[in-house]
Amino acid sequence: MERKYLVSHSFLRLLFVIMCLGGPAKAHPHVFVDARTGFIFGTDGQLEALRISWTYDEFTTLILFESLNLDQDGDGHFNDADRAAIIEGETNWDSAYKGDVYLEFAGEDYPLGRPEAAAVTLNNNQVEVSFNLPLSQPVRIGNAPVFLRLYDPFFYYAYAIIPAIDPADLPENCQAQIVPFEPSTAERALQDKLAALGLEEIPELENVGRLFSDEVRLTCG
């Protein structure tokens, strides 16, 4: 199975490996992300884009600070150069990379565009990257649910979807519900098996991250 880590996240993965060379580094996943999601509707009531944010765990944030020389003046804030360096690494995606964001519409993976309106903040000593992700074409959401999932197919990154701090308004006939992943006995056993893998080992099971993903269920009507 060919591993396809492309532009986005690739620099973070490399930096993680370098910083762990001094000792053993095991377990999948290696990077933990709190993700917030939102849905952007047009005036015609069609879904036009997703709002995505990633808040990295403190260790990954430390790697970013050390390796990109962020906040050199130590004032606890990012300057324009800091933000530009992070945004370049996190949102300048290769054309084949989906950003670990998957929208299921009518039972099919719906194509998405590239990140827009990216921003970076530092909250509670953790880096947060946010951006809009336009749909390839706007769609009208009906009674059948649409599912939004964030996951890394190789389970190198683990995403936990948490409620938005300031949720965007949905059309009055729409509802979005976070459905957390709850592992079965078999899935817990698989998680334990993955936790024993080394940093550079690839899970044998294809698209394994999908098995452990939270989801957001969007319905309208």
Protein backbone atom coordinates (compact mmCIF):
# COMPACT_ATOMS: atom_id res chain seq x y z
CA MET A 1 0.00 0.00 0.00
CA GLU A 2 1.42 3.35 -1.04
CA ARG A 3 1.40 6.10 1.56
CA LYS A 4 0.25 9.45 0.22
CA TYR A 5 1.23 12.15 2.70
CA LEU A 6 1.48 15.18 0.49
CA VAL A 7 2.12 18.87 1.03
CA SER A 8 -0.30 19.58 3.89
CA HIS A 9 0.87 18.16 7.21
CA SER A 10 4.02 16.73 5.57
CA PHE A 11 6.32 19.29 7.17
CA LEU A 12 4.76 18.63 10.57
CA ARG A 13 5.23 14.89 10.17
CA LEU A 14 8.91 15.37 9.25
CA LEU A 15 9.53 17.69 12.19
CA PHE A 16 7.87 15.21 14.54
CA VAL A 17 10.19 12.44 13.33
CA ILE A 18 13.28 14.61 13.76
CA MET A 19 12.39 15.62 17.31
CA CYS A 20 11.73 12.00 18.31
CA LEU A 21 15.01 10.59 17.01
CA GLY A 22 16.57 10.77 20.45
CA GLY A 23 14.32 8.06 21.86
CA PRO A 24 11.62 5.56 21.05
CA ALA A 25 8.42 6.91 19.53
CA LYS A 26 5.60 4.47 19.18
CA ALA A 27 1.85 4.45 18.75
CA HIS A 28 -0.63 5.52 16.14
CA PRO A 29 -1.85 8.20 16.26
CA HIS A 30 1.08 10.58 16.85
CA VAL A 31 -0.63 13.97 16.44
CA PHE A 32 -3.87 14.90 18.19
CA VAL A 33 -6.18 17.57 16.84
CA ASP A 34 -9.34 19.14 18.23
CA ALA A 35 -11.43 20.03 15.20
CA ARG A 36 -14.35 22.42 14.93
CA THR A 37 -16.66 22.44 11.95
CA GLY A 38 -19.31 24.67 10.45
CA PHE A 39 -21.54 24.85 7.38
CA ILE A 40 -21.79 27.93 5.16
CA PHE A 41 -25.05 28.35 3.24
CA GLY A 42 -25.77 30.80 0.44
CA THR A 43 -28.74 33.13 0.27
CA ASP A 44 -30.49 30.56 -1.93
CA GLY A 45 -30.35 28.00 0.88
CA GLN A 46 -27.73 25.78 -0.73
CA LEU A 47 -24.66 24.51 1.12
CA GLU A 48 -21.65 26.30 -0.36
CA ALA A 49 -18.68 25.64 1.92
CA LEU A 50 -17.41 24.11 5.13
CA ARG A 51 -15.69 25.97 7.93
CA ILE A 52 -12.87 23.91 9.42
CA SER A 53 -10.46 24.57 12.28
CA TRP A 54 -7.64 22.41 13.67
CA THR A 55 -6.23 22.98 17.16
CA TYR A 56 -3.02 21.01 17.65
CA ASP A 57 -1.98 19.31 20.86
CA GLU A 58 0.68 21.05 22.97
CA PHE A 59 3.54 18.78 21.86
CA THR A 60 2.83 19.38 18.18
CA THR A 61 2.57 23.10 18.92
CA LEU A 62 5.99 22.94 20.59
CA ILE A 63 7.42 21.31 17.46
CA LEU A 64 6.04 24.15 15.36
CA PHE A 65 7.49 26.79 17.68
CA GLU A 66 10.94 25.21 17.81
CA SER A 67 11.27 24.32 14.16
CA LEU A 68 9.71 27.43 12.59
CA ASN A 69 11.16 29.89 15.14
CA LEU A 70 7.74 31.28 15.94
CA ASP A 71 7.13 34.20 18.31
CA GLN A 72 10.79 35.21 18.39
CA ASP A 73 10.06 38.28 20.52
CA GLY A 74 8.33 36.14 23.13
CA ASP A 75 5.25 38.33 23.45
CA GLY A 76 2.86 35.38 23.15
CA HIS A 77 1.47 36.50 19.80
CA PHE A 78 2.11 35.56 16.18
CA ASN A 79 3.28 38.17 13.71
CA ASP A 80 2.53 38.13 9.98
CA ALA A 81 5.60 36.04 9.19
CA ASP A 82 4.63 33.43 11.81
CA ARG A 83 1.13 33.15 10.44
CA ALA A 84 2.32 32.98 6.84
CA ALA A 85 4.73 30.12 7.60
CA ILE A 86 2.04 28.05 9.30
CA ILE A 87 -0.62 28.76 6.68
CA GLU A 88 1.75 27.82 3.86
CA GLY A 89 2.45 24.44 5.42
CA GLU A 90 -1.11 23.70 6.44
CA THR A 91 -3.25 24.92 3.53
CA ASN A 92 -1.07 24.80 0.41
CA TRP A 93 -2.31 21.32 -0.46
CA ASP A 94 -1.23 19.07 -3.25
CA SER A 95 -4.05 18.57 -5.78
CA ALA A 96 -4.49 14.93 -4.73
CA TYR A 97 -4.70 15.64 -1.00
CA LYS A 98 -8.15 16.04 0.58
CA GLY A 99 -7.06 17.66 3.82
CA ASP A 100 -8.44 14.78 5.89
CA VAL A 101 -11.89 16.30 5.33
CA TYR A 102 -14.64 14.11 3.84
CA LEU A 103 -18.21 15.13 3.02
CA GLU A 104 -20.64 12.30 2.25
CA PHE A 105 -23.62 13.40 0.14
CA ALA A 106 -26.16 10.91 -1.24
CA GLY A 107 -23.90 8.10 -0.12
CA GLU A 108 -20.91 9.37 -2.12
CA ASP A 109 -17.74 11.28 -1.26
CA TYR A 110 -18.56 14.82 -2.44
CA PRO A 111 -15.63 16.71 -4.04
CA LEU A 112 -14.34 19.77 -2.20
CA GLY A 113 -12.17 22.68 -3.29
CA ARG A 114 -9.00 24.10 -1.78
CA PRO A 115 -8.70 26.11 1.47
CA GLU A 116 -9.71 29.76 1.46
CA ALA A 117 -9.68 32.56 4.04
CA ALA A 118 -7.09 30.77 6.20
CA ALA A 119 -6.18 32.18 9.61
CA VAL A 120 -3.90 31.20 12.49
CA THR A 121 -4.27 31.93 16.20
CA LEU A 122 -2.54 30.87 19.40
CA ASN A 123 -4.99 29.84 22.13
CA ASN A 124 -3.94 28.40 25.49
CA ASN A 125 -0.48 27.65 24.09
CA GLN A 126 -1.92 25.67 21.19
CA VAL A 127 -1.81 26.54 17.49
CA GLU A 128 -5.18 26.76 15.76
CA VAL A 129 -5.49 26.82 11.97
CA SER A 130 -8.85 27.67 10.41
CA PHE A 131 -10.08 27.98 6.83
CA ASN A 132 -13.11 27.69 4.55
CA LEU A 133 -13.37 24.69 2.25
CA PRO A 134 -15.74 25.35 -0.68
CA LEU A 135 -17.79 22.58 -2.22
CA SER A 136 -17.02 21.92 -5.89
CA GLN A 137 -20.65 22.89 -6.57
CA PRO A 138 -23.25 24.13 -4.07
CA VAL A 139 -25.85 21.52 -3.10
CA ARG A 140 -29.31 21.64 -1.60
CA ILE A 141 -29.58 19.54 1.56
CA GLY A 142 -32.82 17.62 2.07
CA ASN A 143 -34.17 15.20 4.64
CA ALA A 144 -31.46 12.62 3.89
CA PRO A 145 -28.49 13.31 6.19
CA VAL A 146 -25.15 14.60 4.96
CA PHE A 147 -22.12 13.38 6.89
CA LEU A 148 -18.94 15.34 7.54
CA ARG A 149 -15.93 13.40 8.82
CA LEU A 150 -12.34 14.38 9.59
CA TYR A 151 -9.81 11.59 9.60
CA ASP A 152 -6.34 10.64 8.43
CA PRO A 153 -6.57 7.41 6.38
CA PHE A 154 -3.33 6.17 7.98
CA PHE A 155 -4.34 7.25 11.52
CA TYR A 156 -1.15 9.26 11.97
CA TYR A 157 -3.37 12.19 12.98
CA ALA A 158 -6.34 11.72 15.31
CA TYR A 159 -9.16 14.24 15.00
CA ALA A 160 -11.75 14.80 17.72
CA ILE A 161 -14.67 16.93 16.56
CA ILE A 162 -15.76 19.33 19.30
CA PRO A 163 -18.50 21.99 19.37
CA ALA A 164 -17.74 25.31 17.75
CA ILE A 165 -17.07 28.22 20.12
CA ASP A 166 -19.23 30.56 18.04
CA PRO A 167 -21.35 28.33 15.79
CA ALA A 168 -22.49 29.84 12.53
CA ASP A 169 -26.22 30.21 12.04
CA LEU A 170 -27.86 27.41 10.07
CA PRO A 171 -31.05 27.78 8.07
CA GLU A 172 -33.95 27.40 10.49
CA ASN A 173 -34.91 24.02 9.03
CA CYS A 174 -31.39 22.56 9.38
CA GLN A 175 -29.70 20.77 12.25
CA ALA A 176 -26.08 19.66 12.72
CA GLN A 177 -25.26 17.02 15.32
CA ILE A 178 -21.82 15.75 16.37
CA VAL A 179 -21.77 11.96 16.68
CA PRO A 180 -18.62 10.92 18.60
CA PHE A 181 -16.89 7.67 17.76
CA GLU A 182 -17.55 4.97 20.37
CA PRO A 183 -15.33 1.91 19.87
CA SER A 184 -16.61 -1.63 19.95
CA THR A 185 -14.59 -4.38 21.59
CA ALA A 186 -13.06 -5.30 18.23
CA GLU A 187 -12.21 -1.68 17.47
CA ARG A 188 -10.53 -1.28 20.88
CA ALA A 189 -8.41 -4.31 20.10
CA LEU A 190 -7.44 -2.79 16.75
CA GLN A 191 -6.53 0.48 18.46
CA ASP A 192 -4.24 -1.42 20.83
CA LYS A 193 -2.60 -3.12 17.85
CA LEU A 194 -2.02 0.20 16.11
CA ALA A 195 -0.60 1.68 19.31
CA ALA A 196 2.21 -0.88 19.14
CA LEU A 197 3.38 0.30 15.71
CA GLY A 198 6.58 2.30 15.38
CA LEU A 199 6.65 5.88 14.15
CA GLU A 200 7.43 4.95 10.56
CA GLU A 201 5.30 1.82 10.35
CA ILE A 202 2.21 1.93 8.14
CA PRO A 203 -1.05 0.27 9.24
CA GLU A 204 -1.84 -2.71 7.06
CA LEU A 205 -5.57 -2.01 6.99
CA GLU A 206 -6.42 0.43 4.21
CA ASN A 207 -8.20 3.66 5.22
CA VAL A 208 -7.98 2.62 8.87
CA GLY A 209 -8.53 6.15 10.18
CA ARG A 210 -12.10 6.08 8.85
CA LEU A 211 -12.96 3.41 11.41
CA PHE A 212 -12.26 5.75 14.33
CA SER A 213 -13.73 8.99 13.02
CA ASP A 214 -16.24 11.24 14.68
CA GLU A 215 -18.87 12.61 12.34
CA VAL A 216 -21.20 15.58 11.99
CA ARG A 217 -24.67 14.72 10.73
CA LEU A 218 -26.39 17.55 8.86
CA THR A 219 -30.10 17.39 7.96
CA CYS A 220 -32.46 19.99 6.56
CA GLY A 221 -36.20 19.88 6.12
